[in-house]
Amino acid sequence: MPTSIVMPALELMQETGKLVAWRKQEGEAVAAGEVLAEVETDKAVVEVESPAAGVLAGVQAAPGEVVPVGRTIAWVLAPGESVPAAAVAAAAPAAAVAAAAPAPAAGAARPGAVAATPKARRLARERGVDLAGLVGTGANGAITEADVLAAGAAPAAAPAAAAGTEAALEAPTAVGRLMAERTTASWTQVPHFFVVRELEAGPLQAARERLQQAGTRATLTDLLIAIVARVLRDHPRLNASWTPEGIRRHSEIHMGLAIAVEDGVVAPVIAHADQASVAAIAARRQELAERARGRHLQGADLAGATFTLSNLGMFHVTSFTAIINAPQAAILAVGGVADRVVAVAGRAEVRPMLTCTLSCDHRVVSGAHGAAFLEQLASALAAPGPYLG
């Protein structure tokens, strides 16, 4: 039977996705796993792969359209198959109505109910934007969240520019805008608190050297992913999410890793990180980093993280705090390894140290939970062998 290609969802609360571009054209042959389209979701711009081989047909969405999650945007047909008749029938009247309807005058209010996506309506309520005064750019003229953001950003009256000066505004990219929206929502809606601790990193560096000598090319980030994931087994409160219905504890540990790209930050996922070897984690991390910087991430790469690690040590950052990747309950920010004078058995010694800052959602995690997690992480870094097997 025909294979349906639907607008993907990368999180439970996602309502819509925006079709950025088709990478294959209708009537073109495609292979299983070949990229069909680019889609912008609440998390990032991702690639949609074909789940089957065949011919792309029955395209239902054009670039720029905002489509509800789960709705079919095209089909892949095997020899002898055709687009379902019900889909063709449903598409034809909609197209006829759209063609016959007169275009609304710019700025004019639509008669009756205003067509808008659920997310656009919610955003308009939050920002006090009147939907009736907007012209939508979505499917059939529907107002999208981007339209509301643009309206909210426009000043009511432009102030006169100072003589000889002109302010230049840089429009955010899709990734930059999504990052701005998500971090703003997390910072303003999630009650953050922070727990900070300096940890000795000498045994971690020695473990990495042993792995390198044994042929496993791994970074300190790879080792930290493995260790943190295994420590999380004993701290289910930190491997959890806040939902409107209550706290959801995850039975599996999927580590998100914050990766800087040209126009923002994305957090692809290393699934079942507590069960993966350091070599497997290193290979997956390198693959995800290359795809992220090349803008080739797929929906599955970004879905399902239960905890996030952000490491800026390679930039010689001493310490920093990270904003929680909601709805996750926590994120760990790791600074660079540096020699520091510390007290050891009453004597001053120079040891390689790193600073970890744990950001927690206080609705899910208490200060005691966070402190206990860092206490076990300190023990694991002091003797990492059992955590790296």
Protein backbone atom coordinates (compact mmCIF):
# COMPACT_ATOMS: atom_id res chain seq x y z
CA MET A 1 0.00 0.00 0.00
CA PRO A 2 1.16 3.61 -0.48
CA THR A 3 3.60 4.88 2.15
CA SER A 4 2.41 8.07 3.82
CA ILE A 5 4.93 10.83 4.59
CA VAL A 6 3.69 12.85 7.57
CA MET A 7 4.73 16.03 9.32
CA PRO A 8 6.99 14.71 12.12
CA ALA A 9 6.75 15.50 15.82
CA LEU A 10 9.88 15.78 17.94
CA GLU A 11 8.17 16.42 21.28
CA LEU A 12 4.84 15.83 22.97
CA MET A 13 3.71 19.47 22.95
CA GLN A 14 4.53 20.15 19.29
CA GLU A 15 1.45 21.08 17.26
CA THR A 16 2.73 22.09 13.82
CA GLY A 17 5.76 21.99 11.56
CA LYS A 18 6.78 24.21 8.67
CA LEU A 19 7.82 22.73 5.34
CA VAL A 20 11.04 24.53 4.41
CA ALA A 21 11.85 22.82 1.10
CA TRP A 22 11.33 19.67 -0.94
CA ARG A 23 14.60 17.94 -1.76
CA LYS A 24 12.80 15.62 -4.18
CA GLN A 25 10.16 16.62 -6.72
CA GLU A 26 6.83 14.95 -7.40
CA GLY A 27 7.26 12.04 -9.80
CA GLU A 28 10.92 11.58 -8.90
CA ALA A 29 12.23 8.17 -7.84
CA VAL A 30 13.45 7.92 -4.24
CA ALA A 31 15.34 5.28 -2.28
CA ALA A 32 14.59 4.17 1.25
CA GLY A 33 16.45 6.48 3.63
CA GLU A 34 16.86 9.21 1.03
CA VAL A 35 16.07 12.75 2.18
CA LEU A 36 12.72 13.99 0.84
CA ALA A 37 12.26 17.36 2.52
CA GLU A 38 13.46 19.84 5.11
CA VAL A 39 11.04 20.65 7.93
CA GLU A 40 11.22 23.31 10.63
CA THR A 41 9.90 22.17 14.00
CA ASP A 42 10.01 23.55 17.51
CA LYS A 43 13.48 22.07 17.95
CA ALA A 44 15.35 22.74 14.69
CA VAL A 45 15.34 22.41 10.94
CA VAL A 46 15.50 18.68 10.22
CA GLU A 47 15.54 16.35 7.27
CA VAL A 48 12.67 13.95 6.55
CA GLU A 49 13.79 10.64 5.10
CA SER A 50 11.76 8.32 2.93
CA PRO A 51 10.78 5.17 4.83
CA ALA A 52 10.46 3.23 1.57
CA ALA A 53 11.67 3.10 -2.02
CA GLY A 54 9.39 4.25 -4.82
CA VAL A 55 8.17 7.43 -6.47
CA LEU A 56 7.25 10.65 -4.67
CA ALA A 57 3.61 11.49 -5.41
CA GLY A 58 0.57 13.33 -4.11
CA VAL A 59 2.50 16.24 -2.60
CA GLN A 60 0.10 18.02 -0.23
CA ALA A 61 2.19 20.93 1.09
CA ALA A 62 4.24 23.69 -0.49
CA PRO A 63 7.42 25.27 0.90
CA GLY A 64 6.49 27.78 3.57
CA GLU A 65 3.29 26.02 4.64
CA VAL A 66 2.66 25.30 8.30
CA VAL A 67 1.17 21.81 8.64
CA PRO A 68 -0.32 20.08 11.71
CA VAL A 69 1.81 17.30 13.15
CA GLY A 70 0.78 13.88 11.82
CA ARG A 71 -0.85 15.19 8.64
CA THR A 72 0.25 13.55 5.39
CA ILE A 73 2.34 15.82 3.19
CA ALA A 74 3.06 13.30 0.41
CA TRP A 75 3.19 9.60 -0.48
CA VAL A 76 5.83 7.24 -1.76
CA LEU A 77 4.36 4.81 -4.28
CA ALA A 78 5.67 1.41 -5.25
CA PRO A 79 5.04 0.11 -8.81
CA GLY A 80 1.31 -0.30 -9.42
CA GLU A 81 0.26 1.87 -6.47
CA SER A 82 -1.58 5.20 -6.63
CA VAL A 83 -2.34 8.07 -4.27
CA PRO A 84 -5.39 7.18 -2.12
CA ALA A 85 -8.59 8.43 -3.75
CA ALA A 86 -9.82 10.01 -0.52
CA ALA A 87 -6.74 12.19 -0.37
CA VAL A 88 -7.17 13.34 -3.96
CA ALA A 89 -10.84 14.16 -3.35
CA ALA A 90 -10.04 16.09 -0.19
CA ALA A 91 -7.31 18.08 -1.85
CA ALA A 92 -9.34 19.12 -4.89
CA PRO A 93 -12.16 21.08 -3.16
CA ALA A 94 -9.67 22.84 -0.91
CA ALA A 95 -7.63 23.94 -3.90
CA ALA A 96 -10.76 25.13 -5.73
CA VAL A 97 -11.94 27.15 -2.75
CA ALA A 98 -8.52 28.71 -2.31
CA ALA A 99 -8.36 29.67 -5.98
CA ALA A 100 -11.87 31.18 -6.00
CA ALA A 101 -11.59 33.12 -2.75
CA PRO A 102 -10.68 36.80 -3.22
CA ALA A 103 -7.46 37.86 -1.55
CA PRO A 104 -8.06 39.98 1.55
CA ALA A 105 -6.91 43.56 1.45
CA ALA A 106 -3.64 44.12 3.28
CA GLY A 107 -4.31 44.76 6.93
CA ALA A 108 -8.04 44.03 6.63
CA ALA A 109 -9.73 41.90 9.26
CA ARG A 110 -11.10 38.58 8.06
CA PRO A 111 -14.84 38.05 8.34
CA GLY A 112 -15.82 35.61 11.07
CA ALA A 113 -13.20 33.56 12.83
CA VAL A 114 -9.57 34.32 12.10
CA ALA A 115 -7.65 31.37 10.64
CA ALA A 116 -4.57 30.74 12.76
CA THR A 117 -2.53 27.83 14.07
CA PRO A 118 -2.98 26.90 17.76
CA LYS A 119 0.55 28.02 18.52
CA ALA A 120 -0.04 31.38 16.83
CA ARG A 121 -3.18 31.92 18.94
CA ARG A 122 -1.33 31.11 22.16
CA LEU A 123 1.58 33.36 21.25
CA ALA A 124 -0.80 36.19 20.29
CA ARG A 125 -2.51 35.95 23.68
CA GLU A 126 0.84 36.07 25.48
CA ARG A 127 2.04 39.10 23.51
CA GLY A 128 -1.23 40.98 23.23
CA VAL A 129 -1.25 40.83 19.42
CA ASP A 130 -4.61 41.24 17.62
CA LEU A 131 -4.88 38.40 15.11
CA ALA A 132 -7.59 40.25 13.16
CA GLY A 133 -5.03 42.79 12.04
CA LEU A 134 -2.55 40.28 10.61
CA VAL A 135 -2.17 38.77 7.16
CA GLY A 136 -1.26 35.09 7.42
CA THR A 137 1.50 33.42 5.45
CA GLY A 138 0.50 29.83 6.24
CA ALA A 139 -1.65 27.34 4.37
CA ASN A 140 -4.79 29.01 2.94
CA GLY A 141 -3.80 32.30 4.56
CA ALA A 142 -3.63 30.95 8.12
CA ILE A 143 -1.68 33.07 10.60
CA THR A 144 1.44 31.32 11.89
CA GLU A 145 3.62 31.88 14.93
CA ALA A 146 6.15 33.60 12.65
CA ASP A 147 3.49 36.14 11.63
CA VAL A 148 2.72 36.88 15.30
CA LEU A 149 6.42 37.24 16.13
CA ALA A 150 6.89 39.62 13.23
CA ALA A 151 3.92 41.72 14.33
CA GLY A 152 5.11 41.83 17.93
CA ALA A 153 8.59 42.91 16.86
CA ALA A 154 7.39 45.79 14.68
CA PRO A 155 7.33 49.15 16.53
CA ALA A 156 4.15 51.20 16.46
CA ALA A 157 6.01 54.24 15.17
CA ALA A 158 9.56 54.29 13.91
CA PRO A 159 11.66 56.89 15.72
CA ALA A 160 13.59 59.35 13.62
CA ALA A 161 17.11 58.11 12.99
CA ALA A 162 19.94 60.20 14.26
CA ALA A 163 21.72 62.16 11.59
CA GLY A 164 24.30 60.07 9.80
CA THR A 165 23.32 56.83 11.57
CA GLU A 166 21.11 53.95 10.58
CA ALA A 167 20.43 50.85 12.66
CA ALA A 168 20.84 47.58 10.80
CA LEU A 169 18.66 44.69 11.95
CA GLU A 170 19.70 41.08 11.41
CA ALA A 171 16.80 38.74 10.79
CA PRO A 172 17.24 35.51 12.79
CA THR A 173 17.54 32.26 10.91
CA ALA A 174 15.04 29.48 11.55
CA VAL A 175 17.43 27.76 13.95
CA GLY A 176 18.26 31.05 15.70
CA ARG A 177 14.60 31.98 16.08
CA LEU A 178 13.66 28.57 17.44
CA MET A 179 16.52 28.67 19.93
CA ALA A 180 15.44 32.14 21.06
CA GLU A 181 11.83 31.04 21.55
CA ARG A 182 12.67 27.85 23.43
CA THR A 183 15.28 29.36 25.75
CA THR A 184 13.01 32.32 26.52
CA ALA A 185 10.13 29.99 27.35
CA SER A 186 12.33 27.80 29.54
CA TRP A 187 13.94 30.69 31.41
CA THR A 188 10.65 32.44 32.08
CA GLN A 189 8.47 29.40 32.83
CA VAL A 190 10.81 26.90 34.52
CA PRO A 191 11.92 27.64 38.12
CA HIS A 192 15.67 27.16 37.77
CA PHE A 193 18.13 26.63 40.58
CA PHE A 194 21.82 25.80 40.32
CA VAL A 195 24.25 23.53 42.16
CA VAL A 196 27.98 24.05 41.53
CA ARG A 197 30.90 21.81 42.39
CA GLU A 198 34.59 21.54 41.51
CA LEU A 199 35.62 18.00 40.61
CA GLU A 200 39.05 16.45 40.21
CA ALA A 201 39.73 15.54 36.58
CA GLY A 202 43.12 13.80 36.78
CA PRO A 203 41.75 10.22 36.78
CA LEU A 204 39.41 11.15 33.90
CA GLN A 205 42.36 12.38 31.82
CA ALA A 206 44.31 9.23 32.64
CA ALA A 207 41.36 7.06 31.59
CA ARG A 208 41.18 8.88 28.28
CA GLU A 209 44.90 8.33 27.68
CA ARG A 210 44.50 4.60 28.34
CA LEU A 211 41.61 4.42 25.88
CA GLN A 212 43.64 6.29 23.26
CA GLN A 213 46.51 3.87 23.67
CA ALA A 214 44.08 0.98 23.25
CA GLY A 215 42.85 2.44 19.96
CA THR A 216 39.66 4.21 21.08
CA ARG A 217 39.71 7.82 19.91
CA ALA A 218 37.55 9.63 22.43
CA THR A 219 37.26 13.13 23.83
CA LEU A 220 36.65 14.08 27.44
CA THR A 221 33.10 14.88 26.36
CA ASP A 222 32.63 11.26 25.25
CA LEU A 223 33.82 9.99 28.62
CA LEU A 224 31.61 12.47 30.46
CA ILE A 225 28.55 11.35 28.48
CA ALA A 226 29.21 7.73 29.43
CA ILE A 227 29.83 8.50 33.11
CA VAL A 228 26.95 10.96 33.56
CA ALA A 229 24.52 8.55 31.87
CA ARG A 230 25.53 5.73 34.19
CA VAL A 231 25.33 7.95 37.29
CA LEU A 232 21.81 8.95 36.24
CA ARG A 233 20.68 5.35 36.78
CA ASP A 234 20.81 6.04 40.52
CA HIS A 235 19.11 9.45 40.27
CA PRO A 236 15.76 9.02 38.51
CA ARG A 237 14.58 12.47 39.60
CA LEU A 238 17.14 14.03 37.29
CA ASN A 239 16.22 11.71 34.42
CA ALA A 240 12.66 13.01 34.36
CA SER A 241 10.41 15.62 32.75
CA TRP A 242 7.79 18.05 33.95
CA THR A 243 4.41 17.74 32.23
CA PRO A 244 1.06 19.46 32.93
CA GLU A 245 -0.12 16.15 34.39
CA GLY A 246 2.86 15.78 36.70
CA ILE A 247 6.38 14.34 36.79
CA ARG A 248 7.28 11.74 34.17
CA ARG A 249 10.20 9.51 35.14
CA HIS A 250 11.94 7.99 32.15
CA SER A 251 12.89 4.33 32.20
CA GLU A 252 15.62 4.87 29.59
CA ILE A 253 18.52 7.31 29.55
CA HIS A 254 18.98 9.30 26.35
CA MET A 255 21.66 11.99 26.54
CA GLY A 256 21.24 15.24 24.65
CA LEU A 257 24.49 17.00 23.75
CA ALA A 258 24.50 20.76 23.15
CA ILE A 259 26.35 21.49 19.90
CA ALA A 260 27.06 24.98 18.60
CA VAL A 261 26.16 25.61 14.96
CA GLU A 262 26.62 28.76 12.92
CA ASP A 263 23.31 30.33 13.90
CA GLY A 264 22.50 28.82 17.30
CA VAL A 265 22.66 25.66 19.38
CA VAL A 266 21.09 22.26 18.76
CA ALA A 267 21.00 19.23 21.07
CA PRO A 268 21.03 15.93 19.17
CA VAL A 269 20.56 12.74 21.16
CA ILE A 270 22.74 9.75 22.00
CA ALA A 271 20.16 7.10 22.80
CA HIS A 272 20.69 4.55 25.60
CA ALA A 273 23.94 6.28 26.53
CA ASP A 274 24.13 4.40 29.83
CA GLN A 275 24.45 1.13 27.90
CA ALA A 276 26.76 2.30 25.11
CA SER A 277 30.52 1.84 25.09
CA VAL A 278 32.80 4.87 24.99
CA ALA A 279 33.78 3.94 21.42
CA ALA A 280 30.13 3.83 20.33
CA ILE A 281 29.42 7.15 22.06
CA ALA A 282 32.44 8.76 20.39
CA ALA A 283 31.40 7.57 16.94
CA ARG A 284 27.81 8.74 17.42
CA ARG A 285 28.89 12.11 18.85
CA GLN A 286 31.21 12.76 15.93
CA GLU A 287 28.51 11.78 13.43
CA LEU A 288 25.93 14.04 15.06
CA ALA A 289 28.34 16.98 15.26
CA GLU A 290 29.18 16.72 11.56
CA ARG A 291 25.53 16.47 10.57
CA ALA A 292 24.54 19.34 12.85
CA ARG A 293 27.11 21.70 11.38
CA GLY A 294 26.15 20.62 7.88
CA ARG A 295 22.43 21.15 8.65
CA HIS A 296 21.69 17.48 7.93
CA LEU A 297 20.11 16.42 11.21
CA GLN A 298 17.02 14.25 11.00
CA GLY A 299 13.99 14.12 13.24
CA ALA A 300 15.16 11.00 15.05
CA ASP A 301 18.47 12.72 15.88
CA LEU A 302 16.70 15.31 18.03
CA ALA A 303 13.91 13.33 19.64
CA GLY A 304 13.69 11.76 23.07
CA ALA A 305 16.50 13.30 25.15
CA THR A 306 15.96 12.84 28.89
CA PHE A 307 19.00 14.83 30.14
CA THR A 308 21.41 17.24 28.44
CA LEU A 309 25.15 17.84 28.74
CA SER A 310 26.76 21.11 27.63
CA ASN A 311 30.56 21.23 27.60
CA LEU A 312 32.46 24.46 26.83
CA GLY A 313 35.76 23.20 28.19
CA MET A 314 37.35 23.16 24.74
CA PHE A 315 36.93 26.97 24.68
CA HIS A 316 38.83 27.31 27.98
CA VAL A 317 35.68 28.42 29.81
CA THR A 318 36.10 28.11 33.57
CA SER A 319 32.43 27.65 34.39
CA PHE A 320 28.98 28.67 33.15
CA THR A 321 25.31 28.02 33.76
CA ALA A 322 23.02 26.49 31.15
CA ILE A 323 19.31 26.96 30.55
CA ILE A 324 17.26 23.78 30.94
CA ASN A 325 16.12 22.12 27.73
CA ALA A 326 12.47 21.86 28.79
CA PRO A 327 10.63 19.64 29.53
CA GLN A 328 13.77 17.90 30.84
CA ALA A 329 14.38 18.32 34.56
CA ALA A 330 18.09 19.21 34.41
CA ILE A 331 21.13 20.09 32.33
CA LEU A 332 24.81 19.79 33.28
CA ALA A 333 27.24 22.55 32.23
CA VAL A 334 30.92 21.56 32.24
CA GLY A 335 33.86 23.95 32.15
CA GLY A 336 37.43 23.33 31.10
CA VAL A 337 40.06 21.32 32.95
CA ALA A 338 42.64 23.56 34.60
CA ASP A 339 45.33 23.14 37.25
CA ARG A 340 44.25 24.60 40.60
CA VAL A 341 45.66 24.64 44.08
CA VAL A 342 43.48 22.47 46.32
CA ALA A 343 43.72 21.20 49.87
CA VAL A 344 44.56 17.48 50.05
CA ALA A 345 44.92 15.91 53.51
CA GLY A 346 45.81 19.28 54.97
CA ARG A 347 48.40 20.11 52.30
CA ALA A 348 48.20 22.43 49.28
CA GLU A 349 48.55 20.52 46.03
CA VAL A 350 48.09 21.36 42.36
CA ARG A 351 45.46 19.14 40.74
CA PRO A 352 43.62 19.25 37.39
CA MET A 353 40.07 20.33 38.22
CA LEU A 354 36.87 21.06 36.34
CA THR A 355 33.74 22.91 37.42
CA CYS A 356 30.29 21.41 36.90
CA THR A 357 27.11 23.46 37.22
CA LEU A 358 23.86 21.55 37.45
CA SER A 359 20.73 23.51 36.43
CA CYS A 360 17.56 21.96 37.87
CA ASP A 361 13.81 22.40 37.52
CA HIS A 362 12.67 22.93 41.12
CA ARG A 363 9.26 21.43 40.32
CA VAL A 364 10.98 18.07 39.81
CA VAL A 365 14.34 18.21 41.57
CA SER A 366 15.25 19.43 45.06
CA GLY A 367 18.60 20.83 46.15
CA ALA A 368 19.33 17.58 47.94
CA HIS A 369 18.69 15.58 44.75
CA GLY A 370 21.07 17.80 42.79
CA ALA A 371 23.77 17.65 45.46
CA ALA A 372 23.54 13.86 45.69
CA PHE A 373 23.94 13.56 41.93
CA LEU A 374 27.10 15.73 41.94
CA GLU A 375 28.45 13.77 44.93
CA GLN A 376 28.22 10.51 43.00
CA LEU A 377 29.58 12.17 39.86
CA ALA A 378 32.60 13.32 41.87
CA SER A 379 33.18 9.74 43.05
CA ALA A 380 32.81 8.44 39.49
CA LEU A 381 35.39 10.90 38.15
CA ALA A 382 37.79 9.97 40.94
CA ALA A 383 37.56 6.28 39.91
CA PRO A 384 36.04 6.23 36.35
CA GLY A 385 36.99 2.67 35.43
CA PRO A 386 33.74 0.93 36.46
CA TYR A 387 31.70 3.60 34.66
CA LEU A 388 33.50 3.21 31.34
CA GLY A 389 33.17 -0.53 30.86
